[in-house]
């Protein structure tokens, strides 16, 4: 793979930001009746969403 084929930092940042947004959306998704998360699972999902938001913010800072 040549250097010309490698993505730029901005391309990587943009792609990572999009993927993190997809993960946030997935963690906010509805679930089938009777299959909702346990309290521990809900807490873990909330923690994951918090860290995803922090990661997106870090990528935004890096773009400045």
PDB file of N, CA and C in Angstrom:
ATOM      1  N   UNK A   1       0.858  -1.181   0.000  1.00  0.00           N
ATOM      2  CA  UNK A   1       0.000   0.000   0.000  1.00  0.00           C
ATOM      3  C   UNK A   1       0.898   1.237   0.000  1.00  0.00           C
ATOM      4  N   UNK A   2       0.663   2.105  -0.928  1.00  0.00           N
ATOM      5  CA  UNK A   2       1.489   3.309  -1.014  1.00  0.00           C
ATOM      6  C   UNK A   2       0.924   4.382  -0.091  1.00  0.00           C
ATOM      7  N   UNK A   3       1.748   5.370   0.151  1.00  0.00           N
ATOM      8  CA  UNK A   3       1.330   6.480   1.014  1.00  0.00           C
ATOM      9  C   UNK A   3       0.124   7.209   0.436  1.00  0.00           C
ATOM     10  N   UNK A   4      -0.005   7.201  -0.889  1.00  0.00           N
ATOM     11  CA  UNK A   4      -1.149   7.857  -1.535  1.00  0.00           C
ATOM     12  C   UNK A   4      -2.460   7.134  -1.228  1.00  0.00           C
ATOM     13  N   UNK A   5      -2.385   5.841  -0.920  1.00  0.00           N
ATOM     14  CA  UNK A   5      -3.582   5.060  -0.619  1.00  0.00           C
ATOM     15  C   UNK A   5      -4.041   5.209   0.827  1.00  0.00           C
ATOM     16  N   UNK A   6      -3.174   5.744   1.670  1.00  0.00           N
ATOM     17  CA  UNK A   6      -3.511   5.874   3.085  1.00  0.00           C
ATOM     18  C   UNK A   6      -4.448   7.060   3.301  1.00  0.00           C
ATOM     19  N   UNK A   7      -5.397   6.922   4.230  1.00  0.00           N
ATOM     20  CA  UNK A   7      -6.314   8.033   4.484  1.00  0.00           C
ATOM     21  C   UNK A   7      -5.600   9.173   5.220  1.00  0.00           C
ATOM     22  N   UNK A   8      -6.140  10.350   5.088  1.00  0.00           N
ATOM     23  CA  UNK A   8      -5.628  11.493   5.853  1.00  0.00           C
ATOM     24  C   UNK A   8      -6.186  11.399   7.276  1.00  0.00           C
ATOM     25  N   UNK A   9      -5.594  12.161   8.182  1.00  0.00           N
ATOM     26  CA  UNK A   9      -6.125  12.191   9.543  1.00  0.00           C
ATOM     27  C   UNK A   9      -7.586  12.629   9.530  1.00  0.00           C
ATOM     28  N   UNK A  10      -7.910  13.624   8.734  1.00  0.00           N
ATOM     29  CA  UNK A  10      -9.279  14.127   8.697  1.00  0.00           C
ATOM     30  C   UNK A  10     -10.242  13.049   8.214  1.00  0.00           C
ATOM     31  N   UNK A  11      -9.844  12.267   7.233  1.00  0.00           N
ATOM     32  CA  UNK A  11     -10.702  11.169   6.777  1.00  0.00           C
ATOM     33  C   UNK A  11     -10.901  10.130   7.880  1.00  0.00           C
ATOM     34  N   UNK A  12      -9.831   9.786   8.574  1.00  0.00           N
ATOM     35  CA  UNK A  12      -9.937   8.826   9.681  1.00  0.00           C
ATOM     36  C   UNK A  12     -10.816   9.385  10.797  1.00  0.00           C
ATOM     37  N   UNK A  13     -10.616  10.659  11.119  1.00  0.00           N
ATOM     38  CA  UNK A  13     -11.399  11.287  12.189  1.00  0.00           C
ATOM     39  C   UNK A  13     -12.874  11.291  11.821  1.00  0.00           C
ATOM     40  N   UNK A  14     -13.180  11.666  10.593  1.00  0.00           N
ATOM     41  CA  UNK A  14     -14.564  11.727  10.136  1.00  0.00           C
ATOM     42  C   UNK A  14     -15.214  10.336  10.158  1.00  0.00           C
ATOM     43  N   UNK A  15     -14.489   9.330   9.696  1.00  0.00           N
ATOM     44  CA  UNK A  15     -15.014   7.963   9.711  1.00  0.00           C
ATOM     45  C   UNK A  15     -15.229   7.456  11.134  1.00  0.00           C
ATOM     46  N   UNK A  16     -14.273   7.723  12.007  1.00  0.00           N
ATOM     47  CA  UNK A  16     -14.406   7.298  13.404  1.00  0.00           C
ATOM     48  C   UNK A  16     -15.592   7.991  14.063  1.00  0.00           C
ATOM     49  N   UNK A  17     -15.759   9.268  13.786  1.00  0.00           N
ATOM     50  CA  UNK A  17     -16.874  10.031  14.344  1.00  0.00           C
ATOM     51  C   UNK A  17     -18.208   9.431  13.887  1.00  0.00           C
ATOM     52  N   UNK A  18     -18.291   9.066  12.614  1.00  0.00           N
ATOM     53  CA  UNK A  18     -19.507   8.458  12.074  1.00  0.00           C
ATOM     54  C   UNK A  18     -19.786   7.112  12.746  1.00  0.00           C
ATOM     55  N   UNK A  19     -18.750   6.292  12.897  1.00  0.00           N
ATOM     56  CA  UNK A  19     -18.919   4.990  13.528  1.00  0.00           C
ATOM     57  C   UNK A  19     -19.335   5.115  14.986  1.00  0.00           C
ATOM     58  N   UNK A  20     -18.752   6.081  15.681  1.00  0.00           N
ATOM     59  CA  UNK A  20     -19.149   6.315  17.072  1.00  0.00           C
ATOM     60  C   UNK A  20     -20.607   6.761  17.134  1.00  0.00           C
ATOM     61  N   UNK A  21     -21.032   7.581  16.186  1.00  0.00           N
ATOM     62  CA  UNK A  21     -22.431   7.997  16.128  1.00  0.00           C
ATOM     63  C   UNK A  21     -23.348   6.810  15.887  1.00  0.00           C
ATOM     64  N   UNK A  22     -22.920   5.897  15.030  1.00  0.00           N
ATOM     65  CA  UNK A  22     -23.697   4.679  14.792  1.00  0.00           C
ATOM     66  C   UNK A  22     -23.826   3.863  16.079  1.00  0.00           C
ATOM     67  N   UNK A  23     -22.738   3.760  16.841  1.00  0.00           N
ATOM     68  CA  UNK A  23     -22.769   3.024  18.105  1.00  0.00           C
ATOM     69  C   UNK A  23     -23.706   3.701  19.097  1.00  0.00           C
ATOM     70  N   UNK A  24     -23.666   5.034  19.152  1.00  0.00           N
ATOM     71  CA  UNK A  24     -24.597   5.759  20.031  1.00  0.00           C
ATOM     72  C   UNK A  24     -26.035   5.453  19.647  1.00  0.00           C
ATOM     73  N   UNK A  25     -26.327   5.493  18.365  1.00  0.00           N
ATOM     74  CA  UNK A  25     -27.687   5.216  17.895  1.00  0.00           C
ATOM     75  C   UNK A  25     -28.114   3.804  18.271  1.00  0.00           C
ATOM     76  N   UNK A  26     -27.220   2.856  18.104  1.00  0.00           N
ATOM     77  CA  UNK A  26     -27.540   1.464  18.435  1.00  0.00           C
ATOM     78  C   UNK A  26     -27.862   1.314  19.916  1.00  0.00           C
ATOM     79  N   UNK A  27     -27.090   1.985  20.757  1.00  0.00           N
ATOM     80  CA  UNK A  27     -27.305   1.890  22.201  1.00  0.00           C
ATOM     81  C   UNK A  27     -28.570   2.612  22.662  1.00  0.00           C
ATOM     82  N   UNK A  28     -29.119   3.466  21.814  1.00  0.00           N
ATOM     83  CA  UNK A  28     -30.369   4.158  22.137  1.00  0.00           C
ATOM     84  C   UNK A  28     -31.580   3.448  21.534  1.00  0.00           C
ATOM     85  N   UNK A  29     -31.334   2.379  20.789  1.00  0.00           N
ATOM     86  CA  UNK A  29     -32.406   1.699  20.071  1.00  0.00           C
ATOM     87  C   UNK A  29     -33.452   1.135  21.038  1.00  0.00           C
ATOM     88  N   UNK A  30     -34.657   1.020  20.525  1.00  0.00           N
ATOM     89  CA  UNK A  30     -35.720   0.345  21.271  1.00  0.00           C
ATOM     90  C   UNK A  30     -35.473  -1.156  21.218  1.00  0.00           C
ATOM     91  N   UNK A  31     -36.121  -1.873  22.102  1.00  0.00           N
ATOM     92  CA  UNK A  31     -35.986  -3.319  22.115  1.00  0.00           C
ATOM     93  C   UNK A  31     -37.373  -3.932  22.178  1.00  0.00           C
ATOM     94  N   UNK A  32     -37.437  -5.207  21.815  1.00  0.00           N
ATOM     95  CA  UNK A  32     -38.708  -5.927  21.813  1.00  0.00           C
ATOM     96  C   UNK A  32     -39.260  -6.014  23.234  1.00  0.00           C
ATOM     97  N   UNK A  33     -40.567  -5.984  23.338  1.00  0.00           N
ATOM     98  CA  UNK A  33     -41.236  -6.067  24.639  1.00  0.00           C
ATOM     99  C   UNK A  33     -40.738  -7.295  25.409  1.00  0.00           C
ATOM    100  N   UNK A  34     -40.417  -7.096  26.676  1.00  0.00           N
ATOM    101  CA  UNK A  34     -39.949  -8.189  27.522  1.00  0.00           C
ATOM    102  C   UNK A  34     -38.482  -8.519  27.375  1.00  0.00           C
ATOM    103  N   UNK A  35     -37.761  -7.780  26.522  1.00  0.00           N
ATOM    104  CA  UNK A  35     -36.340  -8.086  26.316  1.00  0.00           C
ATOM    105  C   UNK A  35     -35.446  -6.912  26.700  1.00  0.00           C
ATOM    106  N   UNK A  36     -35.993  -5.982  27.447  1.00  0.00           N
ATOM    107  CA  UNK A  36     -35.217  -4.808  27.838  1.00  0.00           C
ATOM    108  C   UNK A  36     -34.039  -5.179  28.706  1.00  0.00           C
ATOM    109  N   UNK A  37     -33.114  -4.248  28.849  1.00  0.00           N
ATOM    110  CA  UNK A  37     -31.905  -4.542  29.623  1.00  0.00           C
ATOM    111  C   UNK A  37     -32.194  -4.653  31.112  1.00  0.00           C
ATOM    112  N   UNK A  38     -31.359  -5.437  31.779  1.00  0.00           N
ATOM    113  CA  UNK A  38     -31.386  -5.468  33.229  1.00  0.00           C
ATOM    114  C   UNK A  38     -30.849  -4.129  33.725  1.00  0.00           C
ATOM    115  N   UNK A  39     -30.945  -3.900  35.010  1.00  0.00           N
ATOM    116  CA  UNK A  39     -30.390  -2.656  35.553  1.00  0.00           C
ATOM    117  C   UNK A  39     -28.891  -2.549  35.274  1.00  0.00           C
ATOM    118  N   UNK A  40     -28.182  -3.663  35.436  1.00  0.00           N
ATOM    119  CA  UNK A  40     -26.731  -3.648  35.194  1.00  0.00           C
ATOM    120  C   UNK A  40     -26.434  -3.378  33.716  1.00  0.00           C
ATOM    121  N   UNK A  41     -27.216  -3.972  32.825  1.00  0.00           N
ATOM    122  CA  UNK A  41     -27.019  -3.744  31.398  1.00  0.00           C
ATOM    123  C   UNK A  41     -27.340  -2.298  31.026  1.00  0.00           C
ATOM    124  N   UNK A  42     -28.401  -1.750  31.597  1.00  0.00           N
ATOM    125  CA  UNK A  42     -28.761  -0.353  31.322  1.00  0.00           C
ATOM    126  C   UNK A  42     -27.661   0.582  31.816  1.00  0.00           C
ATOM    127  N   UNK A  43     -27.111   0.277  32.988  1.00  0.00           N
ATOM    128  CA  UNK A  43     -26.008   1.089  33.519  1.00  0.00           C
ATOM    129  C   UNK A  43     -24.786   1.007  32.601  1.00  0.00           C
ATOM    130  N   UNK A  44     -24.473  -0.186  32.112  1.00  0.00           N
ATOM    131  CA  UNK A  44     -23.327  -0.364  31.222  1.00  0.00           C
ATOM    132  C   UNK A  44     -23.530   0.382  29.908  1.00  0.00           C
ATOM    133  N   UNK A  45     -24.740   0.334  29.366  1.00  0.00           N
ATOM    134  CA  UNK A  45     -25.032   1.049  28.117  1.00  0.00           C
ATOM    135  C   UNK A  45     -24.908   2.553  28.324  1.00  0.00           C
ATOM    136  N   UNK A  46     -25.395   3.044  29.458  1.00  0.00           N
ATOM    137  CA  UNK A  46     -25.287   4.477  29.756  1.00  0.00           C
ATOM    138  C   UNK A  46     -23.821   4.885  29.883  1.00  0.00           C
ATOM    139  N   UNK A  47     -23.018   4.042  30.526  1.00  0.00           N
ATOM    140  CA  UNK A  47     -21.592   4.339  30.656  1.00  0.00           C
ATOM    141  C   UNK A  47     -20.922   4.341  29.281  1.00  0.00           C
ATOM    142  N   UNK A  48     -21.270   3.383  28.444  1.00  0.00           N
ATOM    143  CA  UNK A  48     -20.706   3.319  27.090  1.00  0.00           C
ATOM    144  C   UNK A  48     -21.074   4.574  26.310  1.00  0.00           C
ATOM    145  N   UNK A  49     -22.328   5.017  26.399  1.00  0.00           N
ATOM    146  CA  UNK A  49     -22.743   6.236  25.694  1.00  0.00           C
ATOM    147  C   UNK A  49     -21.947   7.437  26.176  1.00  0.00           C
ATOM    148  N   UNK A  50     -21.674   7.488  27.485  1.00  0.00           N
ATOM    149  CA  UNK A  50     -20.882   8.591  28.038  1.00  0.00           C
ATOM    150  C   UNK A  50     -19.473   8.602  27.433  1.00  0.00           C
ATOM    151  N   UNK A  51     -18.840   7.438  27.366  1.00  0.00           N
ATOM    152  CA  UNK A  51     -17.484   7.374  26.831  1.00  0.00           C
ATOM    153  C   UNK A  51     -17.449   7.602  25.323  1.00  0.00           C
ATOM    154  N   UNK A  52     -18.487   7.185  24.633  1.00  0.00           N
ATOM    155  CA  UNK A  52     -18.564   7.464  23.194  1.00  0.00           C
ATOM    156  C   UNK A  52     -18.645   8.973  22.978  1.00  0.00           C
ATOM    157  N   UNK A  53     -19.458   9.656  23.780  1.00  0.00           N
ATOM    158  CA  UNK A  53     -19.565  11.113  23.665  1.00  0.00           C
ATOM    159  C   UNK A  53     -18.214  11.775  23.937  1.00  0.00           C
ATOM    160  N   UNK A  54     -17.484  11.267  24.915  1.00  0.00           N
ATOM    161  CA  UNK A  54     -16.152  11.814  25.213  1.00  0.00           C
ATOM    162  C   UNK A  54     -15.191  11.579  24.055  1.00  0.00           C
ATOM    163  N   UNK A  55     -15.272  10.401  23.446  1.00  0.00           N
ATOM    164  CA  UNK A  55     -14.399  10.103  22.310  1.00  0.00           C
ATOM    165  C   UNK A  55     -14.708  11.024  21.131  1.00  0.00           C
ATOM    166  N   UNK A  56     -15.992  11.253  20.881  1.00  0.00           N
ATOM    167  CA  UNK A  56     -16.374  12.168  19.786  1.00  0.00           C
ATOM    168  C   UNK A  56     -15.868  13.579  20.077  1.00  0.00           C
ATOM    169  N   UNK A  57     -15.983  14.008  21.320  1.00  0.00           N
ATOM    170  CA  UNK A  57     -15.505  15.343  21.690  1.00  0.00           C
ATOM    171  C   UNK A  57     -13.988  15.446  21.502  1.00  0.00           C
ATOM    172  N   UNK A  58     -13.255  14.377  21.851  1.00  0.00           N
ATOM    173  CA  UNK A  58     -11.805  14.382  21.663  1.00  0.00           C
ATOM    174  C   UNK A  58     -11.441  14.474  20.192  1.00  0.00           C
ATOM    175  N   UNK A  59     -12.179  13.765  19.341  1.00  0.00           N
ATOM    176  CA  UNK A  59     -11.931  13.855  17.904  1.00  0.00           C
ATOM    177  C   UNK A  59     -12.231  15.252  17.379  1.00  0.00           C
ATOM    178  N   UNK A  60     -13.278  15.876  17.904  1.00  0.00           N
ATOM    179  CA  UNK A  60     -13.597  17.250  17.488  1.00  0.00           C
ATOM    180  C   UNK A  60     -12.476  18.209  17.915  1.00  0.00           C
ATOM    181  N   UNK A  61     -11.956  18.025  19.128  1.00  0.00           N
ATOM    182  CA  UNK A  61     -10.842  18.889  19.576  1.00  0.00           C
ATOM    183  C   UNK A  61      -9.632  18.711  18.682  1.00  0.00           C
ATOM    184  N   UNK A  62      -9.372  17.488  18.281  1.00  0.00           N
ATOM    185  CA  UNK A  62      -8.202  17.219  17.434  1.00  0.00           C
ATOM    186  C   UNK A  62      -8.336  17.891  16.066  1.00  0.00           C
ATOM    187  N   UNK A  63      -9.548  18.160  15.656  1.00  0.00           N
ATOM    188  CA  UNK A  63      -9.772  18.767  14.339  1.00  0.00           C
ATOM    189  C   UNK A  63      -9.543  20.273  14.348  1.00  0.00           C
ATOM    190  N   UNK A  64      -9.459  20.859  15.503  1.00  0.00           N
ATOM    191  CA  UNK A  64      -9.281  22.313  15.582  1.00  0.00           C
ATOM    192  C   UNK A  64      -7.857  22.732  15.360  1.00  0.00           C
TER     193      UNK A  64
END
